[in-house]
């Protein structure tokens, strides 16, 4: 993992943006739509927020510029996840899953949750 990322957790928007970029490069609006779908509508990124997060992810070498295309007279910038980004995403997913399992185990032990 990149040294900058090892010192801070990945925020939920960054986690979802990285997840959205797994499999194929996407442009800004495509990332926004994919994040909304992945979060079942719970996370709706504003474009300014998206590009702020993308800039931080790019500075940490977790995403990189892929290409630009003109679509209906507008320039679309595409981004892709890097190998470091995929490793960071996998590590964060494992960390979150471990935290969730710890919480479920404690809840079961205290009969606060039936599952």
N, C-alpha and C. Protein backbone atom coordinates (compact mmCIF):
# COMPACT_ATOMS: atom_id res chain seq x y z
N UNK A 1 0.83 -1.17 0.00
CA UNK A 1 0.00 0.00 0.00
C UNK A 1 0.88 1.24 0.00
N UNK A 2 0.39 2.28 -0.62
CA UNK A 2 1.12 3.54 -0.70
C UNK A 2 1.23 4.11 0.70
N UNK A 3 2.37 4.69 1.03
CA UNK A 3 2.62 5.17 2.39
C UNK A 3 1.56 6.14 2.86
N UNK A 4 1.08 7.01 2.01
CA UNK A 4 0.05 7.96 2.41
C UNK A 4 -1.24 7.28 2.83
N UNK A 5 -1.59 6.20 2.17
CA UNK A 5 -2.83 5.52 2.48
C UNK A 5 -2.72 4.69 3.74
N UNK A 6 -1.54 4.24 4.09
CA UNK A 6 -1.41 3.40 5.26
C UNK A 6 -1.68 4.19 6.53
N UNK A 7 -1.64 5.52 6.45
CA UNK A 7 -1.82 6.35 7.62
C UNK A 7 -3.26 6.82 7.80
N UNK A 8 -4.12 6.58 6.84
CA UNK A 8 -5.52 6.98 6.99
C UNK A 8 -6.42 5.94 6.33
N UNK A 9 -7.58 5.78 6.93
CA UNK A 9 -8.55 4.85 6.37
C UNK A 9 -9.12 5.44 5.09
N UNK A 10 -9.61 4.59 4.25
CA UNK A 10 -10.26 5.03 3.02
C UNK A 10 -11.68 5.47 3.39
N UNK A 11 -12.05 6.67 3.00
CA UNK A 11 -13.40 7.15 3.27
C UNK A 11 -14.42 6.35 2.48
N UNK A 12 -15.67 6.42 2.90
CA UNK A 12 -16.71 5.70 2.17
C UNK A 12 -16.82 6.16 0.71
N UNK A 13 -16.82 7.47 0.43
CA UNK A 13 -16.86 7.86 -0.99
C UNK A 13 -15.66 7.32 -1.78
N UNK A 14 -14.46 7.36 -1.20
CA UNK A 14 -13.28 6.83 -1.90
C UNK A 14 -13.41 5.33 -2.11
N UNK A 15 -13.90 4.62 -1.10
CA UNK A 15 -14.12 3.17 -1.19
C UNK A 15 -15.07 2.86 -2.35
N UNK A 16 -16.17 3.60 -2.43
CA UNK A 16 -17.14 3.36 -3.48
C UNK A 16 -16.62 3.77 -4.86
N UNK A 17 -15.85 4.85 -4.93
CA UNK A 17 -15.25 5.25 -6.21
C UNK A 17 -14.27 4.19 -6.69
N UNK A 18 -13.42 3.70 -5.80
CA UNK A 18 -12.49 2.62 -6.18
C UNK A 18 -13.27 1.40 -6.65
N UNK A 19 -14.33 1.04 -5.92
CA UNK A 19 -15.15 -0.11 -6.30
C UNK A 19 -15.77 0.11 -7.68
N UNK A 20 -16.23 1.33 -7.95
CA UNK A 20 -16.85 1.65 -9.24
C UNK A 20 -15.86 1.50 -10.39
N UNK A 21 -14.58 1.70 -10.10
CA UNK A 21 -13.56 1.64 -11.15
C UNK A 21 -13.01 0.23 -11.38
N UNK A 22 -13.39 -0.72 -10.55
CA UNK A 22 -12.94 -2.10 -10.75
C UNK A 22 -13.58 -2.62 -12.04
N UNK A 23 -12.77 -3.13 -12.93
CA UNK A 23 -13.29 -3.74 -14.15
C UNK A 23 -13.20 -2.88 -15.39
N UNK A 24 -13.40 -1.57 -15.24
CA UNK A 24 -13.33 -0.72 -16.42
C UNK A 24 -13.13 0.74 -16.03
N UNK A 25 -12.43 1.50 -16.88
CA UNK A 25 -12.30 2.93 -16.65
C UNK A 25 -13.66 3.60 -16.79
N UNK A 26 -13.87 4.67 -16.06
CA UNK A 26 -15.13 5.41 -16.14
C UNK A 26 -14.85 6.90 -16.11
N UNK A 27 -15.77 7.65 -16.71
CA UNK A 27 -15.70 9.11 -16.64
C UNK A 27 -16.49 9.57 -15.43
N UNK A 28 -16.38 10.86 -15.11
CA UNK A 28 -16.97 11.40 -13.89
C UNK A 28 -18.42 11.05 -13.68
N UNK A 29 -19.27 11.34 -14.66
CA UNK A 29 -20.69 11.06 -14.51
C UNK A 29 -20.95 9.56 -14.38
N UNK A 30 -20.17 8.75 -15.10
CA UNK A 30 -20.30 7.30 -14.99
C UNK A 30 -19.94 6.81 -13.59
N UNK A 31 -18.94 7.43 -12.98
CA UNK A 31 -18.56 7.08 -11.60
C UNK A 31 -19.69 7.46 -10.65
N UNK A 32 -20.24 8.66 -10.81
CA UNK A 32 -21.34 9.11 -9.95
C UNK A 32 -22.51 8.14 -10.02
N UNK A 33 -22.90 7.75 -11.23
CA UNK A 33 -24.02 6.80 -11.41
C UNK A 33 -23.70 5.45 -10.78
N UNK A 34 -22.47 4.96 -10.99
CA UNK A 34 -22.10 3.65 -10.46
C UNK A 34 -22.07 3.67 -8.93
N UNK A 35 -21.56 4.73 -8.33
CA UNK A 35 -21.53 4.85 -6.87
C UNK A 35 -22.96 4.87 -6.32
N UNK A 36 -23.83 5.59 -6.99
CA UNK A 36 -25.23 5.63 -6.55
C UNK A 36 -25.84 4.23 -6.60
N UNK A 37 -25.56 3.50 -7.68
CA UNK A 37 -26.07 2.14 -7.82
C UNK A 37 -25.47 1.20 -6.77
N UNK A 38 -24.15 1.27 -6.58
CA UNK A 38 -23.48 0.41 -5.60
C UNK A 38 -24.02 0.63 -4.19
N UNK A 39 -24.35 1.87 -3.88
CA UNK A 39 -24.82 2.20 -2.53
C UNK A 39 -26.34 2.16 -2.43
N UNK A 40 -26.99 1.68 -3.47
CA UNK A 40 -28.46 1.60 -3.53
C UNK A 40 -29.09 2.96 -3.25
N UNK A 41 -28.48 4.01 -3.81
CA UNK A 41 -29.01 5.36 -3.71
C UNK A 41 -28.63 6.12 -2.44
N UNK A 42 -27.96 5.46 -1.52
CA UNK A 42 -27.60 6.09 -0.24
C UNK A 42 -26.52 7.15 -0.41
N UNK A 43 -25.55 6.93 -1.33
CA UNK A 43 -24.47 7.89 -1.56
C UNK A 43 -24.66 8.50 -2.94
N UNK A 44 -24.89 9.81 -2.96
CA UNK A 44 -25.05 10.56 -4.20
C UNK A 44 -23.97 11.63 -4.23
N UNK A 45 -22.92 11.34 -4.97
CA UNK A 45 -21.78 12.25 -5.03
C UNK A 45 -22.09 13.48 -5.87
N UNK A 46 -21.69 14.62 -5.39
CA UNK A 46 -21.71 15.84 -6.19
C UNK A 46 -20.40 15.85 -6.99
N UNK A 47 -20.45 16.46 -8.16
CA UNK A 47 -19.28 16.46 -9.05
C UNK A 47 -18.05 17.04 -8.35
N UNK A 48 -18.21 18.13 -7.62
CA UNK A 48 -17.08 18.73 -6.91
C UNK A 48 -16.46 17.78 -5.91
N UNK A 49 -17.32 17.05 -5.19
CA UNK A 49 -16.83 16.05 -4.23
C UNK A 49 -16.10 14.94 -4.96
N UNK A 50 -16.68 14.47 -6.06
CA UNK A 50 -16.07 13.40 -6.84
C UNK A 50 -14.65 13.77 -7.26
N UNK A 51 -14.47 14.95 -7.84
CA UNK A 51 -13.16 15.31 -8.35
C UNK A 51 -12.17 15.59 -7.22
N UNK A 52 -12.64 16.06 -6.08
CA UNK A 52 -11.76 16.21 -4.92
C UNK A 52 -11.24 14.86 -4.46
N UNK A 53 -12.14 13.86 -4.39
CA UNK A 53 -11.73 12.51 -3.99
C UNK A 53 -10.81 11.90 -5.05
N UNK A 54 -11.16 12.06 -6.33
CA UNK A 54 -10.31 11.53 -7.40
C UNK A 54 -8.91 12.14 -7.35
N UNK A 55 -8.83 13.44 -7.07
CA UNK A 55 -7.51 14.09 -6.95
C UNK A 55 -6.69 13.47 -5.83
N UNK A 56 -7.33 13.22 -4.67
CA UNK A 56 -6.60 12.58 -3.55
C UNK A 56 -6.19 11.16 -3.90
N UNK A 57 -7.11 10.41 -4.53
CA UNK A 57 -6.79 9.04 -4.93
C UNK A 57 -5.65 9.01 -5.95
N UNK A 58 -5.65 9.97 -6.86
CA UNK A 58 -4.58 10.05 -7.86
C UNK A 58 -3.26 10.43 -7.19
N UNK A 59 -3.29 11.35 -6.23
CA UNK A 59 -2.07 11.74 -5.51
C UNK A 59 -1.49 10.55 -4.75
N UNK A 60 -2.37 9.66 -4.26
CA UNK A 60 -1.93 8.45 -3.55
C UNK A 60 -1.65 7.28 -4.50
N UNK A 61 -1.77 7.55 -5.81
CA UNK A 61 -1.51 6.55 -6.87
C UNK A 61 -2.45 5.36 -6.80
N UNK A 62 -3.69 5.61 -6.36
CA UNK A 62 -4.69 4.55 -6.31
C UNK A 62 -5.58 4.56 -7.54
N UNK A 63 -5.67 5.71 -8.21
CA UNK A 63 -6.33 5.81 -9.52
C UNK A 63 -5.40 6.61 -10.42
N UNK A 64 -5.64 6.48 -11.72
CA UNK A 64 -4.87 7.26 -12.67
C UNK A 64 -5.74 7.63 -13.85
N UNK A 65 -5.32 8.67 -14.53
CA UNK A 65 -5.99 9.12 -15.74
C UNK A 65 -5.88 8.03 -16.80
N UNK A 66 -6.97 7.76 -17.48
CA UNK A 66 -6.97 6.74 -18.53
C UNK A 66 -6.95 7.38 -19.91
N UNK A 67 -7.94 8.25 -20.17
CA UNK A 67 -8.03 8.88 -21.48
C UNK A 67 -9.08 9.99 -21.43
N UNK A 68 -9.12 10.78 -22.50
CA UNK A 68 -10.17 11.79 -22.67
C UNK A 68 -10.88 11.50 -23.98
N UNK A 69 -12.18 11.74 -23.97
CA UNK A 69 -12.99 11.59 -25.18
C UNK A 69 -13.95 12.76 -25.25
N UNK A 70 -14.27 13.18 -26.46
CA UNK A 70 -15.30 14.19 -26.64
C UNK A 70 -16.61 13.46 -26.89
N UNK A 71 -17.62 13.79 -26.09
CA UNK A 71 -18.94 13.18 -26.22
C UNK A 71 -19.96 14.30 -26.23
N UNK A 72 -20.71 14.43 -27.32
CA UNK A 72 -21.72 15.48 -27.49
C UNK A 72 -21.12 16.86 -27.19
N UNK A 73 -19.93 17.09 -27.70
CA UNK A 73 -19.28 18.38 -27.56
C UNK A 73 -18.62 18.65 -26.22
N UNK A 74 -18.68 17.68 -25.32
CA UNK A 74 -18.08 17.86 -23.99
C UNK A 74 -16.93 16.88 -23.82
N UNK A 75 -15.91 17.33 -23.12
CA UNK A 75 -14.75 16.49 -22.86
C UNK A 75 -15.03 15.59 -21.66
N UNK A 76 -14.86 14.29 -21.84
CA UNK A 76 -15.01 13.33 -20.76
C UNK A 76 -13.63 12.79 -20.40
N UNK A 77 -13.31 12.88 -19.14
CA UNK A 77 -12.04 12.37 -18.63
C UNK A 77 -12.30 11.03 -17.95
N UNK A 78 -11.58 10.01 -18.37
CA UNK A 78 -11.76 8.67 -17.82
C UNK A 78 -10.63 8.36 -16.83
N UNK A 79 -10.99 7.67 -15.77
CA UNK A 79 -10.04 7.25 -14.74
C UNK A 79 -10.11 5.74 -14.60
N UNK A 80 -9.00 5.17 -14.15
CA UNK A 80 -8.96 3.72 -13.89
C UNK A 80 -8.27 3.49 -12.56
N UNK A 81 -8.60 2.37 -11.93
CA UNK A 81 -7.97 1.97 -10.68
C UNK A 81 -6.59 1.41 -11.01
N UNK A 82 -5.62 1.67 -10.16
CA UNK A 82 -4.27 1.12 -10.34
C UNK A 82 -4.15 -0.19 -9.57
N UNK A 83 -3.06 -0.91 -9.76
CA UNK A 83 -2.82 -2.12 -8.97
C UNK A 83 -2.76 -1.78 -7.48
N UNK A 84 -2.12 -0.65 -7.14
CA UNK A 84 -2.07 -0.21 -5.74
C UNK A 84 -3.47 0.09 -5.22
N UNK A 85 -4.29 0.68 -6.08
CA UNK A 85 -5.67 0.97 -5.70
C UNK A 85 -6.46 -0.29 -5.44
N UNK A 86 -6.26 -1.30 -6.28
CA UNK A 86 -6.97 -2.57 -6.08
C UNK A 86 -6.51 -3.23 -4.78
N UNK A 87 -5.22 -3.16 -4.48
CA UNK A 87 -4.72 -3.74 -3.22
C UNK A 87 -5.29 -2.98 -2.02
N UNK A 88 -5.32 -1.65 -2.11
CA UNK A 88 -5.87 -0.84 -1.02
C UNK A 88 -7.35 -1.13 -0.82
N UNK A 89 -8.08 -1.27 -1.92
CA UNK A 89 -9.51 -1.58 -1.84
C UNK A 89 -9.73 -2.95 -1.20
N UNK A 90 -8.94 -3.94 -1.61
CA UNK A 90 -9.07 -5.27 -1.01
C UNK A 90 -8.76 -5.25 0.48
N UNK A 91 -7.73 -4.51 0.87
CA UNK A 91 -7.37 -4.42 2.28
C UNK A 91 -8.47 -3.73 3.07
N UNK A 92 -9.04 -2.67 2.52
CA UNK A 92 -10.12 -1.95 3.21
C UNK A 92 -11.37 -2.81 3.31
N UNK A 93 -11.69 -3.56 2.25
CA UNK A 93 -12.85 -4.45 2.29
C UNK A 93 -12.66 -5.51 3.38
N UNK A 94 -11.45 -6.05 3.49
CA UNK A 94 -11.18 -7.05 4.53
C UNK A 94 -11.28 -6.43 5.92
N UNK A 95 -10.77 -5.21 6.07
CA UNK A 95 -10.84 -4.52 7.36
C UNK A 95 -12.29 -4.27 7.76
N UNK A 96 -13.10 -3.79 6.82
CA UNK A 96 -14.50 -3.53 7.10
C UNK A 96 -15.26 -4.82 7.43
N UNK A 97 -14.97 -5.88 6.68
CA UNK A 97 -15.63 -7.16 6.94
C UNK A 97 -15.26 -7.68 8.33
N UNK A 98 -13.99 -7.54 8.71
CA UNK A 98 -13.56 -7.96 10.04
C UNK A 98 -14.25 -7.16 11.13
N UNK A 99 -14.34 -5.85 10.94
CA UNK A 99 -15.04 -5.01 11.92
C UNK A 99 -16.51 -5.39 12.03
N UNK A 100 -17.15 -5.64 10.89
CA UNK A 100 -18.56 -6.02 10.90
C UNK A 100 -18.75 -7.36 11.61
N UNK A 101 -17.87 -8.31 11.37
CA UNK A 101 -17.99 -9.61 12.04
C UNK A 101 -17.79 -9.48 13.54
N UNK A 102 -16.85 -8.66 13.97
CA UNK A 102 -16.63 -8.43 15.40
C UNK A 102 -17.91 -7.86 16.03
N UNK A 103 -18.52 -6.89 15.37
CA UNK A 103 -19.75 -6.29 15.89
C UNK A 103 -20.87 -7.33 15.95
N UNK A 104 -21.02 -8.14 14.90
CA UNK A 104 -22.07 -9.17 14.90
C UNK A 104 -21.83 -10.18 16.03
N UNK A 105 -20.59 -10.58 16.24
CA UNK A 105 -20.27 -11.54 17.30
C UNK A 105 -20.62 -10.97 18.67
N UNK A 106 -20.29 -9.72 18.89
CA UNK A 106 -20.62 -9.10 20.19
C UNK A 106 -22.12 -8.97 20.38
N UNK A 107 -22.81 -8.60 19.32
CA UNK A 107 -24.26 -8.49 19.41
C UNK A 107 -24.90 -9.84 19.70
N UNK A 108 -24.42 -10.89 19.05
CA UNK A 108 -24.94 -12.24 19.30
C UNK A 108 -24.69 -12.63 20.74
N UNK A 109 -23.48 -12.35 21.24
CA UNK A 109 -23.11 -12.71 22.60
C UNK A 109 -23.97 -12.00 23.64
N UNK A 110 -24.44 -10.83 23.29
CA UNK A 110 -25.26 -10.06 24.23
C UNK A 110 -26.73 -10.10 23.87
N UNK A 111 -27.11 -10.99 22.99
CA UNK A 111 -28.50 -11.20 22.58
C UNK A 111 -29.17 -9.92 22.10
N UNK A 112 -28.37 -9.01 21.60
CA UNK A 112 -28.95 -7.75 21.11
C UNK A 112 -29.37 -7.86 19.64
N UNK A 113 -28.94 -8.92 19.02
CA UNK A 113 -29.25 -9.09 17.60
C UNK A 113 -29.38 -10.56 17.34
N UNK A 114 -30.41 -10.99 16.65
CA UNK A 114 -30.68 -12.40 16.50
C UNK A 114 -29.91 -13.13 15.42
N UNK A 115 -29.24 -12.43 14.53
CA UNK A 115 -28.56 -13.12 13.41
C UNK A 115 -27.17 -13.53 13.74
